[in-house]
N, C-alpha and C. Protein backbone atom coordinates (compact mmCIF):
# COMPACT_ATOMS: atom_id res chain seq x y z
N UNK A 1 -43.39 -23.24 -8.21
CA UNK A 1 -42.65 -22.40 -7.13
C UNK A 1 -41.35 -22.10 -7.74
N UNK A 2 -40.37 -20.83 -7.41
CA UNK A 2 -39.49 -20.23 -8.36
C UNK A 2 -38.46 -21.00 -7.94
N UNK A 3 -37.08 -20.79 -8.28
CA UNK A 3 -36.10 -21.53 -8.55
C UNK A 3 -35.43 -21.31 -7.32
N UNK A 4 -35.03 -20.26 -6.53
CA UNK A 4 -34.65 -20.04 -5.55
C UNK A 4 -35.07 -20.84 -4.39
N UNK A 5 -36.64 -20.76 -4.37
CA UNK A 5 -37.18 -21.40 -3.16
C UNK A 5 -36.39 -23.18 -3.31
N UNK A 6 -36.62 -23.72 -4.44
CA UNK A 6 -36.17 -24.82 -4.90
C UNK A 6 -34.89 -25.16 -4.34
N UNK A 7 -34.17 -24.33 -4.27
CA UNK A 7 -32.48 -24.31 -4.10
C UNK A 7 -32.29 -24.31 -3.03
N UNK A 8 -33.00 -23.76 -2.38
CA UNK A 8 -33.23 -22.95 -0.83
C UNK A 8 -33.33 -24.33 -0.14
N UNK A 9 -34.64 -25.53 -0.44
CA UNK A 9 -35.23 -25.95 0.41
C UNK A 9 -34.39 -27.38 0.02
N UNK A 10 -33.78 -27.62 -1.44
CA UNK A 10 -32.81 -28.48 -1.25
C UNK A 10 -31.57 -28.36 -0.49
N UNK A 11 -30.77 -27.26 -0.22
CA UNK A 11 -29.85 -27.09 0.63
C UNK A 11 -30.41 -27.41 2.25
N UNK A 12 -31.36 -26.84 2.31
CA UNK A 12 -31.67 -27.14 3.97
C UNK A 12 -32.17 -28.77 4.15
N UNK A 13 -32.41 -29.61 2.92
CA UNK A 13 -32.63 -31.05 3.02
C UNK A 13 -31.40 -31.46 3.44
N UNK A 14 -30.40 -31.16 2.69
CA UNK A 14 -29.07 -31.48 2.25
C UNK A 14 -28.25 -31.48 4.03
N UNK A 15 -28.33 -30.05 4.44
CA UNK A 15 -27.65 -30.11 5.90
C UNK A 15 -28.23 -30.84 6.93
N UNK A 16 -29.68 -30.89 6.69
CA UNK A 16 -30.48 -31.98 7.70
C UNK A 16 -30.03 -33.40 7.72
N UNK A 17 -29.82 -33.79 6.23
CA UNK A 17 -29.56 -35.08 6.11
C UNK A 17 -28.13 -35.40 6.50
N UNK A 18 -27.22 -34.54 6.28
CA UNK A 18 -25.47 -34.90 6.78
C UNK A 18 -25.38 -35.02 7.68
N UNK A 19 -24.43 -36.16 7.87
CA UNK A 19 -23.43 -36.56 9.48
C UNK A 19 -22.38 -35.68 9.89
N UNK A 20 -22.26 -34.84 10.82
CA UNK A 20 -21.54 -34.16 11.45
C UNK A 20 -20.42 -34.93 11.73
N UNK A 21 -20.49 -36.34 11.51
CA UNK A 21 -18.85 -36.95 12.23
C UNK A 21 -17.82 -37.05 11.38
N UNK A 22 -16.56 -36.97 11.58
CA UNK A 22 -15.69 -36.91 10.74
C UNK A 22 -15.51 -38.09 10.07
N UNK A 23 -14.71 -38.52 8.88
CA UNK A 23 -14.93 -39.58 7.95
C UNK A 23 -13.06 -40.26 8.92
N UNK A 24 -13.55 -41.67 8.61
CA UNK A 24 -12.91 -42.20 9.34
C UNK A 24 -11.88 -42.72 8.34
N UNK A 25 -10.45 -42.86 8.49
CA UNK A 25 -9.61 -43.28 7.08
C UNK A 25 -8.58 -43.83 7.77
N UNK A 26 -7.72 -45.03 7.13
CA UNK A 26 -6.40 -45.44 7.48
C UNK A 26 -5.14 -45.05 7.27
N UNK A 27 -5.38 -43.54 7.56
CA UNK A 27 -4.19 -42.61 7.33
C UNK A 27 -3.81 -42.97 8.69
N UNK A 28 -2.04 -43.61 8.41
CA UNK A 28 -1.00 -43.39 9.54
C UNK A 28 0.35 -42.58 9.13
N UNK A 29 1.01 -42.18 9.88
CA UNK A 29 2.16 -41.32 9.76
C UNK A 29 3.48 -42.46 9.02
N UNK A 30 4.11 -41.75 8.37
CA UNK A 30 5.29 -42.70 7.69
C UNK A 30 6.31 -42.74 8.61
N UNK A 31 6.56 -41.71 9.78
CA UNK A 31 7.53 -42.12 10.65
C UNK A 31 6.93 -41.67 12.35
N UNK A 32 7.38 -42.14 12.81
CA UNK A 32 7.03 -42.17 14.28
C UNK A 32 8.19 -41.18 15.41
N UNK A 33 8.12 -40.04 15.48
CA UNK A 33 8.89 -39.27 16.37
C UNK A 33 8.75 -39.43 17.58
N UNK A 34 10.28 -39.82 18.73
CA UNK A 34 10.19 -40.25 19.87
C UNK A 34 10.73 -39.00 20.71
N UNK A 35 10.26 -37.94 19.73
CA UNK A 35 10.84 -36.38 20.70
C UNK A 35 12.15 -36.51 20.62
N UNK A 36 13.15 -37.06 20.21
CA UNK A 36 14.40 -36.93 19.57
C UNK A 36 14.45 -35.82 18.54
N UNK A 37 15.71 -35.87 18.26
CA UNK A 37 16.48 -35.01 16.71
C UNK A 37 15.98 -35.34 15.63
N UNK A 38 15.28 -34.79 15.11
CA UNK A 38 14.59 -35.19 13.41
C UNK A 38 15.93 -35.16 12.32
N UNK A 39 16.72 -34.19 12.61
CA UNK A 39 17.98 -33.98 11.86
C UNK A 39 17.26 -32.96 10.67
N UNK A 40 16.54 -32.42 10.99
CA UNK A 40 16.40 -30.74 10.18
C UNK A 40 16.22 -29.63 11.00
N UNK A 41 17.29 -28.95 9.47
CA UNK A 41 17.44 -27.78 10.56
C UNK A 41 16.75 -26.47 9.47
N UNK A 42 16.06 -25.53 10.36
CA UNK A 42 15.04 -24.71 9.75
C UNK A 42 15.77 -23.38 9.77
N UNK A 43 17.25 -23.13 10.21
CA UNK A 43 17.89 -21.53 10.17
C UNK A 43 17.43 -20.87 10.82
N UNK A 44 16.87 -21.17 11.83
CA UNK A 44 15.99 -20.38 12.74
C UNK A 44 16.82 -18.88 13.25
N UNK A 45 18.29 -19.14 13.95
CA UNK A 45 19.01 -18.49 14.64
C UNK A 45 20.02 -17.44 13.57
N UNK A 46 19.82 -17.81 12.56
CA UNK A 46 20.54 -16.67 11.52
C UNK A 46 19.40 -15.94 10.36
N UNK A 47 18.19 -16.16 10.76
CA UNK A 47 17.32 -15.83 9.60
C UNK A 47 17.25 -13.95 9.90
N UNK A 48 17.35 -13.63 10.70
CA UNK A 48 17.03 -12.16 10.85
C UNK A 48 18.57 -11.49 10.68
N UNK A 49 19.58 -11.84 10.84
CA UNK A 49 20.86 -11.36 10.35
C UNK A 49 21.05 -11.37 8.82
N UNK A 50 20.56 -12.51 7.98
CA UNK A 50 20.86 -12.47 6.70
C UNK A 50 20.08 -11.75 5.61
N UNK A 51 20.37 -11.48 4.91
CA UNK A 51 19.05 -10.63 3.50
C UNK A 51 18.77 -12.20 2.95
N UNK A 52 17.46 -11.94 2.48
CA UNK A 52 16.78 -12.51 1.81
C UNK A 52 17.07 -11.87 0.31
N UNK A 53 17.62 -12.41 -0.80
CA UNK A 53 17.97 -11.96 -2.00
C UNK A 53 16.15 -12.04 -2.68
N UNK A 54 15.65 -12.96 -2.39
CA UNK A 54 14.58 -13.40 -3.13
C UNK A 54 13.17 -12.32 -2.83
N UNK A 55 13.23 -11.46 -1.73
CA UNK A 55 12.20 -10.76 -1.45
C UNK A 55 12.81 -9.08 -1.88
N UNK A 56 14.00 -8.91 -2.41
CA UNK A 56 14.36 -7.67 -2.99
C UNK A 56 13.15 -6.92 -3.99
N UNK A 57 13.07 -5.82 -4.15
CA UNK A 57 12.45 -5.21 -4.94
C UNK A 57 13.51 -5.17 -6.17
N UNK A 58 12.75 -5.13 -7.32
CA UNK A 58 13.21 -4.48 -8.38
C UNK A 58 12.93 -3.67 -9.07
N UNK A 59 14.01 -2.72 -9.05
CA UNK A 59 13.79 -1.42 -9.68
C UNK A 59 13.39 -1.26 -11.04
N UNK A 60 12.36 -0.78 -11.76
CA UNK A 60 11.63 -0.39 -13.09
C UNK A 60 12.17 1.20 -13.05
N UNK A 61 12.98 1.92 -13.67
CA UNK A 61 13.37 2.85 -13.86
C UNK A 61 11.88 4.24 -14.65
N UNK A 62 11.22 3.36 -15.25
CA UNK A 62 10.34 3.69 -16.41
C UNK A 62 9.33 4.03 -15.05
N UNK A 63 9.23 3.35 -14.12
CA UNK A 63 8.19 3.29 -12.82
C UNK A 63 8.20 4.56 -12.36
N UNK A 64 9.32 4.90 -12.03
CA UNK A 64 10.19 6.69 -11.31
C UNK A 64 9.61 7.27 -12.41
N UNK A 65 10.01 7.06 -13.68
CA UNK A 65 9.83 8.53 -14.14
C UNK A 65 8.31 8.44 -14.60
N UNK A 66 7.55 7.66 -14.54
CA UNK A 66 6.14 8.12 -14.51
C UNK A 66 5.29 8.91 -13.19
N UNK A 67 5.72 7.90 -12.09
CA UNK A 67 5.17 8.51 -10.86
C UNK A 67 5.80 10.23 -10.87
N UNK A 68 7.34 10.27 -11.08
CA UNK A 68 7.46 11.97 -10.76
C UNK A 68 6.71 13.01 -12.11
N UNK A 69 6.52 12.42 -12.93
CA UNK A 69 5.49 13.14 -14.30
C UNK A 69 4.39 13.22 -13.36
N UNK A 70 3.69 12.24 -13.03
CA UNK A 70 2.16 12.30 -11.97
C UNK A 70 2.34 13.73 -11.19
N UNK A 71 3.48 13.43 -10.21
CA UNK A 71 3.64 14.20 -8.87
C UNK A 71 3.70 15.44 -9.66
N UNK A 72 4.10 15.90 -11.02
CA UNK A 72 4.61 17.02 -11.33
C UNK A 72 3.05 17.40 -11.52
N UNK A 73 2.53 17.17 -12.41
CA UNK A 73 1.18 17.35 -13.11
C UNK A 73 0.43 17.75 -12.21
N UNK A 74 0.49 17.29 -10.98
CA UNK A 74 -0.28 17.63 -9.89
C UNK A 74 -0.03 18.88 -9.32
N UNK A 75 1.68 19.42 -9.21
CA UNK A 75 1.68 19.98 -9.07
C UNK A 75 1.50 21.28 -9.47
N UNK A 76 1.10 21.46 -10.75
CA UNK A 76 0.98 21.90 -11.60
C UNK A 76 -0.65 22.32 -11.94
N UNK A 77 -1.37 21.18 -11.54
CA UNK A 77 -2.87 21.17 -11.50
C UNK A 77 -3.20 21.85 -10.00
N UNK A 78 -2.49 21.67 -8.89
CA UNK A 78 -2.72 22.56 -7.83
C UNK A 78 -2.58 24.24 -7.94
N UNK A 79 -1.29 24.66 -8.80
CA UNK A 79 -1.13 25.94 -9.21
C UNK A 79 -1.91 26.33 -10.15
N UNK A 80 -2.50 25.60 -10.83
CA UNK A 80 -3.58 26.45 -11.63
C UNK A 80 -4.81 26.28 -11.14
N UNK A 81 -5.19 25.60 -10.18
CA UNK A 81 -6.39 26.10 -9.18
C UNK A 81 -5.86 26.63 -7.84
N UNK A 82 -4.90 28.07 -7.81
CA UNK A 82 -4.51 28.66 -7.12
C UNK A 82 -4.91 28.19 -5.66
N UNK A 83 -4.23 26.78 -5.64
CA UNK A 83 -4.03 26.44 -3.67
C UNK A 83 -3.10 27.22 -2.95
N UNK A 84 -3.62 27.34 -1.96
CA UNK A 84 -2.90 28.05 -0.42
C UNK A 84 -1.98 26.90 -0.34
N UNK A 85 -0.51 27.37 -0.06
CA UNK A 85 0.36 26.43 0.01
C UNK A 85 0.16 25.88 1.72
N UNK A 86 -0.53 26.54 2.38
CA UNK A 86 -1.11 25.62 3.65
C UNK A 86 -2.14 24.48 3.15
N UNK A 87 -2.98 24.64 2.33
CA UNK A 87 -3.87 23.82 1.70
C UNK A 87 -2.85 22.53 1.14
N UNK A 88 -1.78 22.98 0.40
CA UNK A 88 -1.33 21.75 -0.12
C UNK A 88 -0.16 21.24 0.95
N UNK A 89 -0.01 21.61 2.02
CA UNK A 89 0.59 20.80 2.96
C UNK A 89 -0.43 20.01 3.81
N UNK A 90 -1.70 20.61 3.66
CA UNK A 90 -2.79 19.32 4.00
C UNK A 90 -3.15 18.37 3.19
N UNK A 91 -3.01 18.92 1.97
CA UNK A 91 -3.07 17.85 0.82
C UNK A 91 -2.13 16.73 0.88
N UNK A 92 -0.76 17.29 1.36
CA UNK A 92 0.69 16.14 1.30
C UNK A 92 0.60 15.87 2.30
N UNK A 93 -0.60 15.73 3.49
CA UNK A 93 -0.69 14.71 4.95
C UNK A 93 0.82 15.15 5.24
N UNK A 94 0.97 16.46 5.39
CA UNK A 94 1.99 16.81 6.42
C UNK A 94 1.64 17.65 7.67
N UNK A 95 0.53 17.42 8.15
CA UNK A 95 0.10 18.31 9.38
C UNK A 95 0.27 18.06 10.47
N UNK A 96 0.51 16.62 11.07
CA UNK A 96 0.40 16.35 12.06
C UNK A 96 2.04 15.69 12.47
N UNK A 97 2.90 16.20 11.40
CA UNK A 97 4.33 15.85 11.42
C UNK A 97 4.89 16.74 12.50
N UNK A 98 4.52 17.90 12.42
CA UNK A 98 5.29 19.06 13.57
C UNK A 98 6.71 19.28 12.53
N UNK A 99 7.84 19.15 13.82
CA UNK A 99 9.08 19.18 13.62
C UNK A 99 9.96 18.22 12.51
N UNK A 100 9.02 16.80 12.09
CA UNK A 100 9.63 16.04 11.34
C UNK A 100 8.94 15.99 9.98
N UNK A 101 8.36 16.70 9.60
CA UNK A 101 7.93 17.26 7.98
C UNK A 101 8.92 17.27 7.13
N UNK A 102 10.14 17.49 7.73
CA UNK A 102 11.19 17.32 6.53
C UNK A 102 11.71 16.00 6.28
N UNK A 103 11.25 15.19 7.17
CA UNK A 103 11.90 13.86 6.93
C UNK A 103 10.54 12.86 6.21
N UNK A 104 9.47 13.13 5.68
CA UNK A 104 8.75 13.34 4.80
C UNK A 104 9.02 12.85 3.33
N UNK A 105 9.36 12.14 3.21
CA UNK A 105 9.55 12.67 1.10
C UNK A 105 8.65 13.34 0.53
N UNK A 106 7.04 13.45 0.88
CA UNK A 106 6.26 14.24 0.43
C UNK A 106 6.87 15.84 0.77
N UNK A 107 7.33 16.07 1.83
CA UNK A 107 8.08 17.32 1.80
C UNK A 107 8.85 18.01 0.68
N UNK A 108 9.45 17.59 0.08
CA UNK A 108 10.19 17.93 -1.17
C UNK A 108 9.28 18.21 -2.32
N UNK A 109 8.00 17.55 -2.45
CA UNK A 109 6.86 18.15 -3.53
C UNK A 109 6.26 19.32 -3.10
N UNK A 110 6.33 19.88 -1.48
CA UNK A 110 6.05 21.12 -0.77
C UNK A 110 6.66 21.57 -0.94
N UNK A 111 7.81 21.63 -1.03
CA UNK A 111 8.84 22.44 -1.39
C UNK A 111 9.12 23.06 -2.98
N UNK A 112 8.82 22.15 -3.63
CA UNK A 112 8.82 22.62 -5.27
C UNK A 112 7.69 23.25 -5.60
N UNK A 113 6.70 22.70 -4.74
CA UNK A 113 5.23 23.81 -4.77
C UNK A 113 5.27 25.45 -4.58
N UNK A 114 5.80 25.29 -3.12
CA UNK A 114 6.45 26.51 -2.77
C UNK A 114 6.50 27.69 -3.74
N UNK A 115 7.97 26.80 -4.53
CA UNK A 115 9.12 27.61 -5.10
C UNK A 115 8.18 27.84 -6.42
N UNK A 116 6.89 27.23 -6.78
CA UNK A 116 6.51 27.41 -8.16
C UNK A 116 5.38 28.46 -7.97
N UNK A 117 4.74 28.33 -6.46
CA UNK A 117 3.71 29.33 -6.22
C UNK A 117 4.58 30.84 -6.13
N UNK A 118 5.67 30.85 -5.48
CA UNK A 118 6.36 32.37 -5.43
C UNK A 118 6.41 32.85 -6.12
N UNK A 119 7.00 32.11 -7.29
CA UNK A 119 7.36 32.00 -8.63
C UNK A 119 5.83 32.76 -9.50
N UNK A 120 5.11 31.85 -9.19
CA UNK A 120 4.06 32.44 -9.87
C UNK A 120 3.18 34.31 -9.33
N UNK A 121 3.53 33.84 -8.14
CA UNK A 121 2.89 35.42 -7.24
C UNK A 121 3.84 36.42 -7.82
N UNK A 122 4.88 36.10 -7.86
CA UNK A 122 6.00 37.21 -8.42
C UNK A 122 5.66 37.59 -9.91
N UNK A 123 5.47 36.27 -10.46
CA UNK A 123 5.04 37.11 -11.88
C UNK A 123 3.71 37.16 -12.07
N UNK A 124 2.85 37.58 -11.33
CA UNK A 124 1.35 37.92 -11.11
C UNK A 124 1.47 39.67 -10.83
N UNK A 125 2.44 39.70 -9.68
CA UNK A 125 2.78 40.99 -9.62
C UNK A 125 3.32 42.10 -10.37
N UNK A 126 4.48 41.17 -10.92
CA UNK A 126 4.80 42.07 -12.29
C UNK A 126 4.23 42.39 -13.41
N UNK A 127 2.73 41.66 -13.77
CA UNK A 127 2.13 42.06 -14.56
C UNK A 127 1.01 42.80 -13.61
N UNK A 128 0.65 43.10 -12.69
CA UNK A 128 0.04 44.17 -12.31
C UNK A 128 0.74 45.15 -12.19
N UNK A 129 2.09 45.68 -12.03
CA UNK A 129 3.01 46.69 -11.91
C UNK A 129 3.14 46.78 -13.46
N UNK A 130 3.10 46.36 -14.40
CA UNK A 130 2.85 46.77 -15.93
C UNK A 130 1.96 47.50 -16.42
N UNK A 131 0.74 47.02 -16.19
CA UNK A 131 -0.60 47.18 -16.10
C UNK A 131 -0.88 48.33 -15.65
């Protein structure tokens, strides 16, 4: 017999023999509450107003620098591949934002790419005029 058949058979026998009733213990609570005030304060009323310092993000400058570098390299790659600004608009997922696109942080990358694209088009036009 194969090993997995033996393991499956052993598991089936264990399930068939095991009892489903809970184990009875002698556990008793250490105190009984009669519905009165326990004397415990959970600070629920002021929790929304207070700033919790423990959950603040720690800002690491190198992460921002790496992110900016990689985003710039992505824009350079799109310019190298001669992506149309409309394609970049879609790649940055600014499609459905309509009049609110300027509020999105990715819109800054679109404006940077648009300036790079216009400069590249102008340079290509000047090269064509020289030749």
